Amino acid sequence: MEMNFDYVVVGSGLAGLYSALCASRYGKVGLVTKADVTDSNSYNAQGGIAAVSGKDDDPEYHFEDTIVAGRGLCDYPAVEILVNEGPALIHDLMEKGMHFDVTESGRLALGLEGGHHRRRILHAGGDATGKFVTSFVLDLVRKEKNIEIIPHCALLGLLVTGDVCDGVRCWNSGTSSEYLIYGKNVILASGGAGAIYRRTTNPDTTTGDGIAAAYNAGCKVEDMEFIQFHPTALAKEGAPCFLISEAVRGEGAWLLNLEGERFMLGAHELSELAPRDVVAQNIEAQIRKEGKGYVWLSLRHLDPEKIKSRFPTIYARCREYGIDMCDRIPVAPAAHYTVGGVCCDENGESSIRHLYVCGEIASTGIMGANRLASNSLIECMVFAQRAVRDTLKQSGEDHSGHIYREEFHLSPENEEFYRHVRKEVSDIVSEDAGIVRTGEGLEKGLAGLEQLQRELQARSAADPGEVCCRMAENLLTVALLVIRGALARKESRGCHFRADFPEEHETFRIHTVQQAGRDIAGIPVKDKI
């Protein structure tokens, strides 16, 4: 099946929805989503949106907190864009009718989270900010006649001629058929790759399809070794890996080991509110030492009524599994955010013309080696707007007329093979490319992925164009990018920790760049504004 649009947006998280909304002013938009339109990290985000809103705050302070969390790998110009353009977009959202939580006096109720030195986190619905904001923007999207939502379409690859992107190639699981979706501009907002790990806060669909598609099309991908593990996800047998928001610690919750000791005291000046990499690594150390698979997040010393009203979603989910949130919660880290991604400029354009990336898939240079809490949702909005604005400069270019043919089909017997590959990939990256890594473990993981590649090549050769094999190939591509990046970075920095190289080294104050057919390279950080 073929479809034609002025803009093709892949992904229905906040980055995709806001991109589609901005683009709808200038043409017809096809919004492609892998599953349901609400199945995204954005929708599940509890923490909030970081944007300067208080009188005691300033973009310069937000800039400094972001740079510190990024451990020397943030690109300063991109961070400047984020902290200066973000507040105006929040104001615009509120003008459109978005309601953020307020205090009894009617002022914005600004929260504090890890790595922030000022209260600048806006929330909605207490601990359901992502759901409220994403739903609000989705309602605006659904009212736009220029936007057509195309659900249940998994991205297989990009339609590229020379250095120009003409659209995307997808597999529609509802119709069991291939879709060729053409666009004068393509915006990939398909999210990260957290779901390749066993323990993750991400939806099951977050397997890095967009990253793999961009890499296979020739784009540069950088810093894939930096997988951020959220420090506190529910850790109880039989319960899902449910995120326990950083805002809980922002309200004063303590992390305790099984002896009841606050192990973050002395580990960092901000204790429980240290940047996520520091907290996750300290929790992992306690878990390895005590062997029980969790530590305690204690709220016993806090006002229970305030906790219930501030965190209604988390409180209710904990109750489902027999846990009293007002007492203590068993928690452990879980794969949460893909810090690296597809290289792009300050407007989100990749090295392929008319191909833009936005949101978690993009490596804008903002996150550095470790994302600062609640910077992701505001990044989605800032760079969605910039990407669409940039397309207007190229609106006179005509790159239509290229003809592509459908290439893929489904062989049901390969569905089990895909599940096999996915489980093996999950086991490998979880064991060998988790919070604590070693060269020996990464080499073992690399060998395991390469063996899976050989199995896949044999199956693909026997059944060319089979869609499950392509999906398995994309999965392996992303896992290999993570492990090869981690092997190349022989130091510990941010959320990449090598036990065999436990210190930071100035030599590695570079972005790790991978491109198909080329050796891994390093490019300098842009630390001048």
Protein backbone atom coordinates (compact mmCIF):
# COMPACT_ATOMS: atom_id res chain seq x y z
CA MET A 1 0.00 0.00 0.00
CA GLU A 2 1.23 3.51 -0.79
CA MET A 3 0.41 6.77 0.97
CA ASN A 4 1.60 10.34 0.30
CA PHE A 5 2.01 13.28 2.67
CA ASP A 6 3.87 16.55 3.01
CA TYR A 7 5.23 15.32 6.36
CA VAL A 8 5.67 11.80 7.67
CA VAL A 9 6.14 11.66 11.45
CA VAL A 10 7.12 8.30 12.97
CA GLY A 11 6.23 7.94 16.64
CA SER A 12 3.34 9.03 18.86
CA GLY A 13 5.16 10.15 22.00
CA LEU A 14 5.32 13.84 22.81
CA ALA A 15 8.05 14.42 20.19
CA GLY A 16 5.95 12.86 17.44
CA LEU A 17 2.66 14.43 18.49
CA TYR A 18 4.14 17.90 18.86
CA SER A 19 6.01 17.55 15.55
CA ALA A 20 2.77 16.55 13.81
CA LEU A 21 0.89 19.44 15.43
CA CYS A 22 3.51 21.98 14.34
CA ALA A 23 3.75 20.50 10.83
CA SER A 24 -0.03 20.48 10.32
CA ARG A 25 0.08 24.26 9.81
CA TYR A 26 2.09 23.76 6.62
CA GLY A 27 0.79 20.59 4.99
CA LYS A 28 -0.74 17.16 5.24
CA VAL A 29 0.81 14.96 7.96
CA GLY A 30 0.93 11.18 8.27
CA LEU A 31 1.51 10.21 11.92
CA VAL A 32 2.82 6.63 12.05
CA THR A 33 2.76 4.68 15.31
CA LYS A 34 3.99 1.16 16.04
CA ALA A 35 1.09 0.16 18.28
CA ASP A 36 -1.57 2.26 19.96
CA VAL A 37 -1.18 6.02 19.79
CA THR A 38 -0.78 6.21 23.60
CA ASP A 39 1.93 3.53 23.79
CA SER A 40 5.01 5.65 24.47
CA ASN A 41 7.57 6.63 27.09
CA SER A 42 6.12 10.14 27.08
CA TYR A 43 2.68 8.86 28.03
CA ASN A 44 4.17 6.88 30.94
CA ALA A 45 6.42 9.70 32.22
CA GLN A 46 5.73 10.48 35.87
CA GLY A 47 8.39 13.02 36.79
CA GLY A 48 7.50 16.19 34.94
CA ILE A 49 8.84 18.87 32.63
CA ALA A 50 11.90 20.94 33.52
CA ALA A 51 11.57 24.59 32.52
CA VAL A 52 12.46 27.79 34.32
CA SER A 53 9.23 29.10 35.83
CA GLY A 54 10.06 30.37 39.33
CA LYS A 55 11.27 33.85 40.33
CA ASP A 56 14.34 32.42 42.05
CA ASP A 57 15.36 30.46 38.93
CA ASP A 58 17.14 31.42 35.72
CA PRO A 59 18.02 29.64 32.42
CA GLU A 60 21.66 29.95 33.43
CA TYR A 61 21.03 27.77 36.50
CA HIS A 62 19.17 25.19 34.40
CA PHE A 63 22.09 25.25 31.95
CA GLU A 64 24.61 24.60 34.72
CA ASP A 65 22.63 21.70 36.21
CA THR A 66 22.33 20.09 32.76
CA ILE A 67 26.05 20.49 32.05
CA VAL A 68 27.04 19.02 35.41
CA ALA A 69 24.79 15.98 34.93
CA GLY A 70 26.19 15.47 31.41
CA ARG A 71 29.70 14.83 32.74
CA GLY A 72 31.57 16.90 30.18
CA LEU A 73 29.82 15.61 27.05
CA CYS A 74 27.00 18.17 26.67
CA ASP A 75 27.14 20.37 23.59
CA TYR A 76 26.75 23.87 25.03
CA PRO A 77 24.86 25.47 22.11
CA ALA A 78 22.17 22.79 22.22
CA VAL A 79 21.74 23.16 25.99
CA GLU A 80 21.42 26.94 25.56
CA ILE A 81 18.63 26.37 23.05
CA LEU A 82 16.81 24.04 25.43
CA VAL A 83 16.90 26.19 28.56
CA ASN A 84 16.08 29.45 26.76
CA GLU A 85 13.36 28.27 24.37
CA GLY A 86 11.64 25.84 26.74
CA PRO A 87 9.83 28.30 29.04
CA ALA A 88 8.04 30.03 26.14
CA LEU A 89 6.71 26.69 24.88
CA ILE A 90 5.37 25.85 28.34
CA HIS A 91 3.62 29.22 28.39
CA ASP A 92 2.20 28.53 24.92
CA LEU A 93 0.91 25.14 26.04
CA MET A 94 -0.81 26.75 29.01
CA GLU A 95 -2.32 29.39 26.72
CA LYS A 96 -3.82 26.55 24.70
CA GLY A 97 -5.46 25.20 27.86
CA MET A 98 -2.96 22.81 29.45
CA HIS A 99 -3.30 22.81 33.25
CA PHE A 100 -0.25 22.09 35.38
CA ASP A 101 -0.50 21.46 39.12
CA VAL A 102 -0.71 24.58 41.29
CA THR A 103 -0.36 25.39 44.97
CA GLU A 104 -3.23 26.52 47.20
CA SER A 105 -2.31 30.11 46.33
CA GLY A 106 -2.65 29.38 42.61
CA ARG A 107 1.04 29.42 41.73
CA LEU A 108 2.68 26.64 39.74
CA ALA A 109 3.65 23.80 42.08
CA LEU A 110 7.31 23.39 41.14
CA GLY A 111 9.05 20.17 42.15
CA LEU A 112 12.66 19.21 42.77
CA GLU A 113 14.37 16.21 41.19
CA GLY A 114 17.82 14.66 41.01
CA GLY A 115 20.57 16.97 39.77
CA HIS A 116 18.46 20.15 39.95
CA HIS A 117 19.44 22.89 42.40
CA ARG A 118 16.19 24.84 41.94
CA ARG A 119 12.52 23.85 41.96
CA ARG A 120 11.68 23.97 38.26
CA ILE A 121 9.79 20.73 37.57
CA LEU A 122 6.21 21.25 36.44
CA HIS A 123 3.76 18.42 37.09
CA ALA A 124 0.24 17.52 36.03
CA GLY A 125 -1.98 15.04 37.82
CA GLY A 126 0.61 14.70 40.56
CA ASP A 127 2.67 11.82 39.19
CA ALA A 128 1.07 11.45 35.75
CA THR A 129 2.61 14.40 33.90
CA GLY A 130 3.44 12.47 30.76
CA LYS A 131 -0.08 11.10 30.49
CA PHE A 132 -1.67 14.52 31.00
CA VAL A 133 0.61 16.45 28.64
CA THR A 134 0.66 13.76 25.95
CA SER A 135 -3.11 13.35 26.13
CA PHE A 136 -3.58 17.12 25.89
CA VAL A 137 -1.42 17.37 22.76
CA LEU A 138 -3.06 14.22 21.33
CA ASP A 139 -6.46 15.89 21.68
CA LEU A 140 -5.13 18.85 19.69
CA VAL A 141 -3.73 16.46 17.07
CA ARG A 142 -7.02 14.62 16.70
CA LYS A 143 -8.80 17.91 16.01
CA GLU A 144 -6.45 18.73 13.11
CA LYS A 145 -7.91 17.70 9.76
CA ASN A 146 -4.44 17.84 8.25
CA ILE A 147 -3.20 14.93 10.40
CA GLU A 148 -3.91 11.27 9.63
CA ILE A 149 -2.96 8.75 12.33
CA ILE A 150 -1.64 5.45 10.91
CA PRO A 151 -1.53 2.88 13.77
CA HIS A 152 0.06 -0.57 14.10
CA CYS A 153 2.87 0.20 11.64
CA ALA A 154 6.37 -0.95 12.63
CA LEU A 155 9.22 0.90 10.95
CA LEU A 156 11.33 -1.41 8.76
CA GLY A 157 13.51 1.11 6.98
CA LEU A 158 13.77 4.44 5.18
CA LEU A 159 13.14 5.25 1.52
CA VAL A 160 16.32 7.03 0.48
CA THR A 161 17.65 8.10 -2.93
CA GLY A 162 21.19 9.42 -2.84
CA ASP A 163 21.33 11.72 0.18
CA VAL A 164 17.60 12.50 0.24
CA CYS A 165 14.88 10.78 2.29
CA ASP A 166 11.60 10.23 0.44
CA GLY A 167 9.61 8.40 3.13
CA VAL A 168 9.46 5.26 5.24
CA ARG A 169 8.89 1.54 4.78
CA CYS A 170 6.60 -0.02 7.42
CA TRP A 171 4.85 -3.27 8.26
CA ASN A 172 1.21 -2.98 9.28
CA SER A 173 0.47 -5.74 11.79
CA GLY A 174 -3.28 -5.13 11.49
CA THR A 175 -3.41 -5.83 7.75
CA SER A 176 -0.24 -8.01 7.57
CA SER A 177 1.04 -5.94 4.69
CA GLU A 178 3.81 -3.52 3.81
CA TYR A 179 3.16 0.23 3.66
CA LEU A 180 5.28 2.65 1.62
CA ILE A 181 4.60 6.05 3.16
CA TYR A 182 6.04 8.96 1.17
CA GLY A 183 6.76 12.41 2.56
CA LYS A 184 8.52 15.58 1.45
CA ASN A 185 9.97 15.64 4.97
CA VAL A 186 10.34 12.76 7.42
CA ILE A 187 10.60 13.26 11.19
CA LEU A 188 11.69 10.20 13.16
CA ALA A 189 10.38 10.46 16.72
CA SER A 190 10.26 6.74 17.40
CA GLY A 191 11.95 6.77 20.81
CA GLY A 192 14.90 4.91 22.24
CA ALA A 193 15.84 1.28 22.84
CA GLY A 194 15.25 0.62 26.55
CA ALA A 195 13.04 -2.40 25.85
CA ILE A 196 15.95 -4.42 24.53
CA TYR A 197 16.80 -4.91 28.23
CA ARG A 198 15.10 -7.48 30.49
CA ARG A 199 14.27 -4.98 33.20
CA THR A 200 12.96 -1.72 31.77
CA THR A 201 10.46 1.04 32.44
CA ASN A 202 9.78 1.36 28.70
CA PRO A 203 6.83 0.01 26.73
CA ASP A 204 7.49 -3.33 25.00
CA THR A 205 7.60 -1.53 21.63
CA THR A 206 10.65 0.63 22.47
CA THR A 207 13.28 -1.42 20.63
CA GLY A 208 15.19 1.26 18.69
CA ASP A 209 13.60 0.71 15.26
CA GLY A 210 14.26 4.30 14.21
CA ILE A 211 17.89 4.21 15.30
CA ALA A 212 18.47 1.02 13.31
CA ALA A 213 16.67 2.38 10.24
CA ALA A 214 18.68 5.61 10.29
CA TYR A 215 21.98 3.75 10.81
CA ASN A 216 21.25 1.31 7.99
CA ALA A 217 20.42 4.25 5.71
CA GLY A 218 23.85 5.77 6.35
CA CYS A 219 23.24 8.19 9.24
CA LYS A 220 25.82 8.68 11.94
CA VAL A 221 24.82 7.41 15.38
CA GLU A 222 26.61 8.58 18.51
CA ASP A 223 27.04 7.81 22.21
CA MET A 224 24.96 4.61 22.16
CA GLU A 225 26.93 3.25 25.12
CA PHE A 226 25.08 5.67 27.39
CA ILE A 227 21.95 3.82 28.50
CA GLN A 228 20.45 5.55 31.50
CA PHE A 229 19.09 3.27 34.19
CA HIS A 230 16.41 4.85 36.34
CA PRO A 231 17.48 4.22 39.94
CA THR A 232 14.07 3.37 41.35
CA ALA A 233 11.69 0.96 39.67
CA LEU A 234 9.44 -1.40 41.62
CA ALA A 235 11.31 -4.63 42.42
CA LYS A 236 8.84 -7.24 43.65
CA GLU A 237 8.46 -10.74 42.29
CA GLY A 238 5.32 -11.05 40.19
CA ALA A 239 4.91 -7.28 39.78
CA PRO A 240 5.75 -5.28 36.64
CA CYS A 241 8.84 -3.07 36.47
CA PHE A 242 6.85 0.03 37.40
CA LEU A 243 8.68 3.35 37.63
CA ILE A 244 8.82 5.02 41.05
CA SER A 245 9.28 8.64 40.07
CA GLU A 246 12.35 10.64 40.99
CA ALA A 247 9.91 13.18 42.37
CA VAL A 248 9.29 10.80 45.30
CA ARG A 249 12.87 11.37 46.40
CA GLY A 250 12.36 15.04 45.57
CA GLU A 251 9.70 15.12 48.27
CA GLY A 252 12.12 13.65 50.81
CA ALA A 253 12.07 9.83 50.50
CA TRP A 254 15.23 8.04 51.65
CA LEU A 255 17.12 5.14 50.11
CA LEU A 256 17.98 2.49 52.70
CA ASN A 257 19.96 -0.72 52.46
CA LEU A 258 18.59 -3.88 54.09
CA GLU A 259 20.24 -2.83 57.34
CA GLY A 260 18.17 0.36 57.35
CA GLU A 261 21.12 2.67 56.59
CA ARG A 262 20.94 5.70 54.25
CA PHE A 263 23.75 4.69 51.93
CA MET A 264 23.55 7.82 49.76
CA LEU A 265 24.66 10.03 52.66
CA GLY A 266 28.30 10.81 51.92
CA ALA A 267 28.11 9.30 48.44
CA HIS A 268 27.18 12.68 46.90
CA GLU A 269 26.46 16.20 48.10
CA LEU A 270 22.83 15.84 46.99
CA SER A 271 22.41 12.42 48.66
CA GLU A 272 19.23 10.76 47.26
CA LEU A 273 18.90 13.59 44.72
CA ALA A 274 22.27 13.02 43.10
CA PRO A 275 22.27 12.59 39.29
CA ARG A 276 20.74 9.31 38.15
CA ASP A 277 23.99 7.58 37.24
CA VAL A 278 25.37 8.12 40.74
CA VAL A 279 22.22 6.88 42.47
CA ALA A 280 21.81 3.86 40.16
CA GLN A 281 25.42 2.77 40.60
CA ASN A 282 25.19 3.06 44.40
CA ILE A 283 21.97 1.04 44.48
CA GLU A 284 23.56 -1.59 42.23
CA ALA A 285 26.53 -1.81 44.61
CA GLN A 286 24.20 -2.37 47.59
CA ILE A 287 22.25 -5.03 45.69
CA ARG A 288 25.43 -6.88 44.72
CA LYS A 289 26.64 -6.69 48.32
CA GLU A 290 23.39 -7.85 49.94
CA GLY A 291 22.17 -10.21 47.22
CA LYS A 292 18.43 -9.63 47.61
CA GLY A 293 17.76 -7.83 44.33
CA TYR A 294 16.45 -4.60 45.84
CA VAL A 295 16.94 -1.78 48.34
CA TRP A 296 14.25 0.12 50.23
CA LEU A 297 12.79 3.49 49.29
CA SER A 298 11.47 4.66 52.65
CA LEU A 299 8.67 7.21 53.14
CA ARG A 300 7.90 6.35 56.77
CA HIS A 301 9.09 9.75 57.96
CA LEU A 302 6.85 11.70 55.54
CA ASP A 303 3.24 12.87 55.85
CA PRO A 304 1.12 9.97 54.45
CA GLU A 305 -1.77 12.19 53.38
CA LYS A 306 0.58 14.40 51.39
CA ILE A 307 2.12 11.33 49.77
CA LYS A 308 -1.29 9.96 48.74
CA SER A 309 -2.37 13.27 47.17
CA ARG A 310 1.00 14.02 45.54
CA PHE A 311 1.51 10.52 44.05
CA PRO A 312 -1.95 9.03 43.44
CA THR A 313 -0.87 6.85 40.50
CA ILE A 314 2.15 5.33 42.23
CA TYR A 315 0.22 4.87 45.48
CA ALA A 316 -2.57 3.00 43.68
CA ARG A 317 -0.17 0.78 41.70
CA CYS A 318 1.77 -0.11 44.84
CA ARG A 319 -1.46 -1.10 46.58
CA GLU A 320 -2.26 -3.45 43.70
CA TYR A 321 0.82 -5.47 44.69
CA GLY A 322 0.36 -5.31 48.45
CA ILE A 323 2.82 -2.49 49.08
CA ASP A 324 2.09 0.49 51.33
CA MET A 325 3.83 3.39 49.63
CA CYS A 326 3.60 5.43 52.84
CA ASP A 327 5.85 2.83 54.50
CA ARG A 328 8.57 1.60 52.14
CA ILE A 329 8.93 0.28 48.59
CA PRO A 330 11.39 -2.34 47.27
CA VAL A 331 13.23 -0.77 44.32
CA ALA A 332 16.05 -1.50 41.89
CA PRO A 333 17.38 0.22 38.75
CA ALA A 334 15.88 -0.45 35.31
CA ALA A 335 16.82 0.58 31.76
CA HIS A 336 15.01 3.84 31.20
CA TYR A 337 16.46 6.20 28.60
CA THR A 338 18.69 5.98 25.53
CA VAL A 339 20.97 8.98 25.98
CA GLY A 340 22.71 8.67 22.59
CA GLY A 341 21.05 8.32 19.22
CA VAL A 342 21.05 9.62 15.66
CA CYS A 343 23.40 12.56 15.05
CA CYS A 344 21.68 15.77 14.05
CA ASP A 345 22.20 19.52 13.91
CA GLU A 346 20.59 22.12 16.18
CA ASN A 347 17.38 21.82 14.14
CA GLY A 348 17.21 18.04 14.30
CA GLU A 349 18.24 17.40 10.69
CA SER A 350 20.35 14.29 10.13
CA SER A 351 23.10 13.83 7.54
CA ILE A 352 20.37 12.68 5.10
CA ARG A 353 18.47 15.63 3.66
CA HIS A 354 14.80 15.97 4.59
CA LEU A 355 15.28 13.44 7.40
CA TYR A 356 14.88 14.85 10.91
CA VAL A 357 15.07 13.22 14.32
CA CYS A 358 13.36 14.42 17.46
CA GLY A 359 13.00 13.20 21.04
CA GLU A 360 14.79 10.20 22.52
CA ILE A 361 15.97 8.91 19.13
CA ALA A 362 17.97 12.11 18.57
CA SER A 363 21.43 12.88 19.85
CA THR A 364 21.16 16.66 20.09
CA GLY A 365 24.10 16.97 22.48
CA ILE A 366 21.89 18.07 25.37
CA MET A 367 22.12 14.96 27.53
CA GLY A 368 25.87 14.38 27.37
CA ALA A 369 26.76 11.24 29.29
CA ASN A 370 23.71 11.27 31.55
CA ARG A 371 20.27 12.86 31.12
CA LEU A 372 19.22 15.38 33.74
CA ALA A 373 15.82 14.44 35.17
CA SER A 374 12.76 15.86 33.35
CA ASN A 375 14.74 17.41 30.50
CA SER A 376 13.36 14.93 27.97
CA LEU A 377 9.77 16.16 27.61
CA ILE A 378 10.81 19.78 27.12
CA GLU A 379 13.45 18.67 24.59
CA CYS A 380 10.68 16.97 22.59
CA MET A 381 8.78 20.23 22.26
CA VAL A 382 11.73 22.54 21.64
CA PHE A 383 13.26 20.45 18.87
CA ALA A 384 9.97 19.43 17.28
CA GLN A 385 9.25 23.10 16.70
CA ARG A 386 12.77 23.74 15.42
CA ALA A 387 12.64 20.77 13.02
CA VAL A 388 9.37 21.85 11.44
CA ARG A 389 10.56 25.43 11.19
CA ASP A 390 13.71 24.25 9.42
CA THR A 391 11.73 22.31 6.80
CA LEU A 392 10.23 25.60 5.60
CA LYS A 393 13.66 26.69 4.35
CA GLN A 394 13.67 23.69 2.00
CA SER A 395 10.02 23.75 1.00
CA GLY A 396 10.84 24.78 -2.56
CA GLU A 397 12.93 21.65 -3.19
CA ASP A 398 11.26 18.89 -5.20
CA HIS A 399 12.47 15.40 -4.50
CA SER A 400 9.34 13.49 -5.41
CA GLY A 401 8.93 11.02 -8.27
CA HIS A 402 11.15 8.19 -7.02
CA ILE A 403 9.46 4.80 -7.32
CA TYR A 404 9.93 2.10 -4.69
CA ARG A 405 8.39 -1.34 -4.61
CA GLU A 406 7.12 -3.44 -1.75
CA GLU A 407 9.74 -5.93 -0.62
CA PHE A 408 8.50 -7.64 2.52
CA HIS A 409 6.19 -10.50 3.40
CA LEU A 410 5.41 -12.47 6.55
CA SER A 411 6.35 -16.11 7.06
CA PRO A 412 4.61 -17.14 10.32
CA GLU A 413 7.26 -19.77 11.08
CA ASN A 414 9.76 -16.92 11.62
CA GLU A 415 7.72 -15.29 14.38
CA GLU A 416 9.14 -17.77 16.90
CA PHE A 417 12.66 -17.04 15.60
CA TYR A 418 12.12 -13.31 16.23
CA ARG A 419 11.03 -14.06 19.80
CA HIS A 420 14.16 -16.20 20.21
CA VAL A 421 16.40 -13.37 18.98
CA ARG A 422 14.68 -10.84 21.19
CA LYS A 423 15.12 -12.98 24.32
CA GLU A 424 18.77 -13.68 23.51
CA VAL A 425 19.48 -9.99 22.86
CA SER A 426 17.76 -9.07 26.11
CA ASP A 427 19.81 -11.60 28.07
CA ILE A 428 23.07 -10.46 26.47
CA VAL A 429 22.70 -6.71 26.96
CA SER A 430 21.28 -7.14 30.47
CA GLU A 431 24.19 -9.35 31.56
CA ASP A 432 27.04 -7.76 29.64
CA ALA A 433 26.03 -4.13 28.99
CA GLY A 434 24.11 -3.23 32.13
CA ILE A 435 24.94 -0.75 34.89
CA VAL A 436 28.39 -2.28 35.55
CA ARG A 437 30.42 -3.36 32.53
CA THR A 438 33.81 -4.92 31.84
CA GLY A 439 35.81 -5.44 28.67
CA GLU A 440 35.61 -9.21 29.14
CA GLY A 441 31.83 -9.13 29.52
CA LEU A 442 31.35 -6.82 26.56
CA GLU A 443 33.53 -9.04 24.34
CA LYS A 444 31.43 -12.02 25.41
CA GLY A 445 28.28 -10.10 24.62
CA LEU A 446 29.63 -9.05 21.23
CA ALA A 447 30.44 -12.68 20.37
CA GLY A 448 26.90 -13.70 21.34
CA LEU A 449 25.32 -11.02 19.15
CA GLU A 450 27.55 -11.94 16.21
CA GLN A 451 26.50 -15.59 16.56
CA LEU A 452 22.85 -14.47 16.42
CA GLN A 453 23.72 -12.47 13.32
CA ARG A 454 25.03 -15.57 11.60
CA GLU A 455 21.83 -17.46 12.45
CA LEU A 456 19.80 -14.57 11.09
CA GLN A 457 21.80 -14.34 7.85
CA ALA A 458 21.21 -18.02 7.14
CA ARG A 459 17.47 -17.68 7.74
CA SER A 460 17.23 -14.46 5.69
CA ALA A 461 19.06 -16.07 2.78
CA ALA A 462 16.52 -18.89 2.77
CA ASP A 463 13.57 -16.48 2.88
CA PRO A 464 14.55 -13.07 1.39
CA GLY A 465 12.32 -10.15 2.33
CA GLU A 466 10.79 -11.84 5.38
CA VAL A 467 9.56 -9.20 7.84
CA CYS A 468 10.37 -11.02 11.10
CA CYS A 469 13.97 -11.37 9.93
CA ARG A 470 14.14 -7.63 9.20
CA MET A 471 12.79 -6.85 12.66
CA ALA A 472 15.37 -9.18 14.19
CA GLU A 473 18.07 -7.48 12.13
CA ASN A 474 17.03 -4.06 13.44
CA LEU A 475 17.07 -5.37 17.01
CA LEU A 476 20.57 -6.78 16.59
CA THR A 477 21.77 -3.56 14.96
CA VAL A 478 20.80 -1.52 18.01
CA ALA A 479 22.30 -4.02 20.49
CA LEU A 480 25.57 -4.06 18.55
CA LEU A 481 25.69 -0.25 18.55
CA VAL A 482 25.38 -0.27 22.35
CA ILE A 483 28.03 -2.92 22.95
CA ARG A 484 30.53 -1.63 20.38
CA GLY A 485 30.21 1.86 21.78
CA ALA A 486 30.76 0.54 25.31
CA LEU A 487 33.85 -1.40 24.23
CA ALA A 488 35.34 1.66 22.55
CA ARG A 489 34.86 3.91 25.58
CA LYS A 490 37.60 2.70 27.92
CA GLU A 491 36.62 4.88 30.86
CA SER A 492 33.68 5.44 33.22
CA ARG A 493 31.57 8.52 32.60
CA GLY A 494 27.95 9.29 33.42
CA CYS A 495 25.72 6.26 32.98
CA HIS A 496 28.53 4.24 31.33
CA PHE A 497 30.52 2.46 34.05
CA ARG A 498 33.46 0.18 33.23
CA ALA A 499 34.73 -1.70 36.29
CA ASP A 500 38.03 -2.23 34.46
CA PHE A 501 38.32 1.51 33.72
CA PRO A 502 36.60 3.10 36.74
CA GLU A 503 37.81 6.68 36.18
CA GLU A 504 37.01 9.43 33.69
CA HIS A 505 39.74 10.22 31.16
CA GLU A 506 40.08 13.47 29.24
CA THR A 507 41.00 11.43 26.15
CA PHE A 508 37.38 10.25 26.02
CA ARG A 509 35.79 13.67 26.34
CA ILE A 510 34.41 13.04 22.87
CA HIS A 511 31.23 11.75 21.27
CA THR A 512 31.54 8.14 20.08
CA VAL A 513 30.35 8.03 16.46
CA GLN A 514 29.34 4.91 14.53
CA GLN A 515 28.44 4.80 10.85
CA ALA A 516 27.77 1.76 8.68
CA GLY A 517 30.91 0.56 6.89
CA ARG A 518 33.26 2.76 8.93
CA ASP A 519 35.35 2.38 12.07
CA ILE A 520 34.16 3.98 15.30
CA ALA A 521 35.33 7.57 15.49
CA GLY A 522 35.31 10.35 18.05
CA ILE A 523 34.20 13.94 17.51
CA PRO A 524 34.89 16.87 19.87
CA VAL A 525 32.29 18.23 22.25
CA LYS A 526 30.93 21.68 21.36
CA ASP A 527 31.72 23.49 24.60
CA LYS A 528 31.69 26.99 23.13
CA ILE A 529 28.49 29.00 22.78
